Protein backbone atom coordinates (compact mmCIF):
# COMPACT_ATOMS: atom_id res chain seq x y z
CA MET A 1 105.28 -49.46 2.18
CA ALA A 2 104.48 -47.20 5.13
CA ASP A 3 106.11 -48.03 8.46
CA ILE A 4 103.46 -47.72 11.20
CA ILE A 5 105.26 -46.87 14.47
CA ARG A 6 102.37 -46.60 16.92
CA GLU A 7 98.59 -46.67 17.17
CA TYR A 8 96.58 -44.45 19.52
CA GLY A 9 93.00 -45.14 20.58
CA PRO A 10 90.23 -45.95 20.17
CA PHE A 11 89.23 -43.16 22.56
CA PRO A 12 86.23 -43.29 24.90
CA GLY A 13 83.11 -41.74 23.38
CA ILE A 14 84.80 -41.04 20.03
CA ASP A 15 83.59 -43.00 16.99
CA GLU A 16 85.47 -41.19 14.26
CA VAL A 17 88.72 -39.28 13.75
CA ALA A 18 88.57 -36.66 11.00
CA GLY A 19 91.20 -33.88 10.80
CA VAL A 20 94.55 -34.09 12.60
CA THR A 21 97.14 -31.42 13.42
CA TYR A 22 100.10 -30.91 15.77
CA ASP A 23 100.96 -27.83 17.84
CA GLY A 24 104.47 -28.90 18.88
CA GLU A 25 103.19 -30.62 22.02
CA HIS A 26 99.76 -32.13 21.39
CA VAL A 27 98.09 -33.86 18.47
CA TRP A 28 94.71 -32.19 17.94
CA PHE A 29 92.05 -34.25 16.24
CA ALA A 30 88.48 -33.57 15.09
CA SER A 31 85.69 -35.90 16.19
CA GLY A 32 82.47 -34.30 14.93
CA ASP A 33 81.42 -32.02 17.77
CA LYS A 34 84.78 -31.67 19.53
CA LEU A 35 88.44 -30.88 18.97
CA ASN A 36 90.57 -33.12 21.19
CA ALA A 37 94.18 -32.71 22.35
CA LEU A 38 96.17 -35.96 22.54
CA ASP A 39 99.49 -36.29 24.38
CA PRO A 40 101.48 -38.43 21.92
CA LYS A 41 103.83 -39.63 24.67
CA SER A 42 101.19 -40.98 27.05
CA GLY A 43 98.57 -41.72 24.40
CA LYS A 44 95.90 -40.00 26.49
CA THR A 45 93.56 -37.15 25.53
CA VAL A 46 94.22 -34.27 27.92
CA ARG A 47 91.47 -31.79 26.96
CA SER A 48 88.81 -31.05 24.38
CA LEU A 49 87.07 -28.00 22.91
CA ASP A 50 83.34 -27.95 22.15
CA VAL A 51 83.42 -26.82 18.51
CA ALA A 52 82.04 -28.26 15.28
CA ALA A 53 84.86 -30.38 13.83
CA HIS A 54 83.81 -32.36 10.77
CA ALA A 55 86.92 -32.63 8.61
CA GLY A 56 90.44 -31.16 8.33
CA THR A 57 92.32 -29.43 11.15
CA ALA A 58 95.38 -27.14 10.96
CA PHE A 59 97.62 -25.05 13.26
CA ASP A 60 99.41 -21.85 12.21
CA GLY A 61 101.63 -21.51 15.29
CA ARG A 62 98.98 -19.62 17.29
CA HIS A 63 95.50 -20.65 16.18
CA LEU A 64 93.69 -23.80 15.20
CA PHE A 65 91.75 -23.90 11.93
CA GLN A 66 88.91 -26.37 11.62
CA ILE A 67 86.59 -27.36 8.78
CA ALA A 68 82.96 -27.38 9.92
CA GLU A 69 80.56 -28.31 7.11
CA SER A 70 80.99 -25.59 4.45
CA ARG A 71 83.18 -23.21 6.45
CA ILE A 72 86.64 -22.98 8.00
CA GLN A 73 86.76 -21.71 11.58
CA LYS A 74 89.73 -19.96 13.20
CA ILE A 75 89.83 -21.02 16.85
CA ASP A 76 91.64 -19.86 19.98
CA PRO A 77 93.13 -23.14 21.36
CA GLU A 78 93.09 -21.80 24.92
CA THR A 79 89.40 -20.92 25.10
CA GLY A 80 87.84 -22.73 22.14
CA ARG A 81 86.35 -19.45 20.95
CA VAL A 82 85.75 -19.11 17.19
CA LEU A 83 87.55 -15.90 16.21
CA ALA A 84 86.75 -15.80 12.49
CA THR A 85 85.12 -17.86 9.74
CA ILE A 86 85.81 -18.12 6.00
CA PRO A 87 83.98 -20.18 3.36
CA ALA A 88 85.53 -23.57 2.54
CA PRO A 89 86.35 -23.87 -1.19
CA GLY A 90 84.58 -27.21 -1.61
CA GLY A 91 81.32 -25.94 -0.15
CA GLY A 92 81.04 -28.89 2.22
CA GLY A 93 82.98 -31.46 0.19
CA ASP A 94 86.21 -30.45 1.92
CA SER A 95 88.52 -32.90 3.68
CA GLY A 96 92.14 -32.26 4.71
CA LEU A 97 93.50 -28.95 5.97
CA ALA A 98 97.08 -27.76 6.44
CA TRP A 99 98.99 -24.53 7.12
CA GLY A 100 101.95 -23.83 4.85
CA GLU A 101 103.61 -20.87 3.11
CA GLY A 102 101.43 -18.50 5.16
CA THR A 103 98.24 -19.92 3.67
CA LEU A 104 95.74 -22.73 4.17
CA TRP A 105 95.75 -25.81 1.93
CA VAL A 106 92.38 -27.50 1.69
CA GLY A 107 91.66 -30.93 0.29
CA GLN A 108 88.48 -31.37 -1.74
CA HIS A 109 87.73 -35.02 -1.17
CA ARG A 110 85.84 -36.55 -4.08
CA GLU A 111 86.80 -33.80 -6.52
CA ARG A 112 90.44 -34.96 -6.08
CA LYS A 113 91.78 -31.42 -5.63
CA ILE A 114 93.88 -29.38 -3.20
CA HIS A 115 93.23 -25.63 -2.97
CA GLN A 116 95.63 -23.00 -1.63
CA VAL A 117 93.43 -20.49 0.20
CA ASP A 118 93.90 -17.00 1.64
CA PRO A 119 93.30 -17.51 5.39
CA GLU A 120 91.78 -14.05 5.80
CA THR A 121 89.25 -14.07 2.95
CA GLY A 122 88.90 -17.68 1.78
CA ARG A 123 89.93 -16.67 -1.77
CA VAL A 124 91.37 -19.60 -3.76
CA LEU A 125 94.92 -18.75 -4.84
CA ARG A 126 95.80 -22.00 -6.60
CA THR A 127 94.27 -25.42 -7.30
CA ILE A 128 96.20 -28.65 -7.72
CA ASP A 129 94.61 -31.75 -9.25
CA SER A 130 95.19 -35.25 -7.88
CA ASN A 131 94.16 -38.54 -9.45
CA ARG A 132 92.95 -39.98 -6.13
CA PHE A 133 90.53 -38.88 -3.41
CA VAL A 134 92.17 -36.36 -1.05
CA THR A 135 91.57 -37.13 2.65
CA GLY A 136 94.38 -35.25 4.41
CA VAL A 137 96.97 -32.56 3.66
CA SER A 138 100.29 -31.66 5.34
CA TRP A 139 103.17 -29.25 4.72
CA VAL A 140 106.55 -30.12 6.23
CA ASP A 141 110.00 -28.72 5.38
CA GLY A 142 108.71 -27.21 2.15
CA GLU A 143 107.13 -30.51 1.07
CA LEU A 144 103.41 -30.93 0.34
CA TRP A 145 101.96 -34.32 1.29
CA HIS A 146 98.43 -35.59 0.99
CA ALA A 147 96.65 -38.69 2.19
CA THR A 148 94.34 -40.69 -0.02
CA TRP A 149 91.78 -43.33 0.90
CA GLU A 150 89.79 -44.92 -1.90
CA ALA A 151 88.02 -48.27 -1.57
CA ASP A 152 90.29 -50.17 0.84
CA GLU A 153 93.52 -48.59 -0.37
CA SER A 154 95.30 -45.72 1.40
CA GLU A 155 98.63 -44.05 0.82
CA LEU A 156 100.58 -40.95 1.75
CA ARG A 157 101.90 -39.02 -1.24
CA ARG A 158 104.43 -36.24 -1.59
CA ILE A 159 103.42 -34.11 -4.55
CA ASP A 160 104.84 -31.20 -6.48
CA PRO A 161 102.94 -28.12 -5.18
CA GLN A 162 102.94 -26.59 -8.66
CA SER A 163 102.02 -29.51 -10.91
CA GLY A 164 100.54 -32.09 -8.54
CA GLU A 165 102.98 -34.73 -9.83
CA VAL A 166 103.48 -37.58 -7.35
CA LEU A 167 107.12 -37.52 -6.20
CA GLU A 168 106.98 -40.14 -3.44
CA SER A 169 104.42 -42.63 -2.17
CA LEU A 170 104.00 -44.62 1.05
CA GLU A 171 101.38 -47.34 0.75
CA LEU A 172 99.50 -48.37 3.87
CA PRO A 173 98.45 -51.98 4.50
CA ALA A 174 95.11 -53.03 2.99
CA GLY A 175 92.20 -51.97 5.17
CA VAL A 176 94.19 -49.25 6.99
CA ASN A 177 92.38 -46.01 6.18
CA VAL A 178 93.65 -42.43 6.48
CA SER A 179 91.22 -39.57 7.15
CA GLY A 180 93.55 -36.78 8.30
CA LEU A 181 97.29 -36.12 8.01
CA GLU A 182 99.88 -34.00 9.82
CA SER A 183 103.61 -34.17 10.41
CA ASP A 184 105.28 -33.61 13.77
CA GLY A 185 107.85 -31.50 11.89
CA ALA A 186 110.44 -34.24 12.35
CA ASP A 187 110.38 -37.95 11.58
CA GLN A 188 106.73 -38.97 11.70
CA PHE A 189 103.25 -38.33 10.37
CA PHE A 190 100.05 -38.57 12.42
CA CYS A 191 97.23 -40.17 10.44
CA GLY A 192 93.54 -40.13 11.38
CA GLY A 193 91.94 -43.56 11.17
CA GLY A 194 88.43 -42.55 10.09
CA ASN A 195 85.62 -44.63 11.55
CA THR A 196 88.04 -46.86 13.50
CA GLY A 197 88.41 -43.95 15.96
CA THR A 198 92.20 -44.34 16.03
CA ILE A 199 95.29 -42.32 15.10
CA ARG A 200 98.43 -43.92 13.70
CA ALA A 201 101.98 -42.60 13.71
CA VAL A 202 103.80 -43.39 10.44
CA ARG A 203 107.52 -42.96 9.92
CA ARG A 204 108.38 -40.09 7.58
CA PRO A 205 111.08 -40.98 5.01
CA LYS A 206 114.50 -39.56 5.80
CA ARG A 207 115.65 -36.77 3.52
CA GLY A 208 117.63 -37.96 0.53
CA ALA A 209 115.93 -41.35 0.46
CA THR A 210 114.81 -42.41 -3.01
CA ARG A 211 111.42 -44.02 -3.18
CA SER A 212 108.99 -45.05 -5.84
CA GLY A 213 106.86 -42.24 -7.18
CA SER A 214 104.11 -44.52 -8.43
């Protein structure tokens, strides 16, 4: 079972949290027509960018990437300017977004897939099948995790990036939904709470821990 450490929000004027990412200082989250920067220590949003932000969000160390309908936008986090755009592999059915191995990893929600995508061209390099809806994606320490939310059941899953086999699973309490996923690079995940307008911090399992893979 997932260990929820903290809950952030709901935030004024924000009805939904879609994609989530972390730049080493702030948690960025998508809320439809804005990208918002949250200070995870104070729990307050400190700034926002006026950009279309409908689903997954990622950070490559310099730029934000944001799914907007059927495209992925590369954004300057200082100015909010869209620097480049590539097609999203799901053509609008895309969900989670992560940066890992020098590429983007894009969840395709109801198709239950994760695509590895060339960030320059949008070309699909690899596709992994899941047996659950994919609502968030995260790479941390060479591990690929994805969130799933189907009916009232949500979990975080570590999967084999080659085969898609589930290696580890953290179930969330019934009714707790996950719409975006990112690690802080250390001991926690940040999980978007969908239409509750909240973000939850969930403890990441310590390395070497054995957990159920079901």
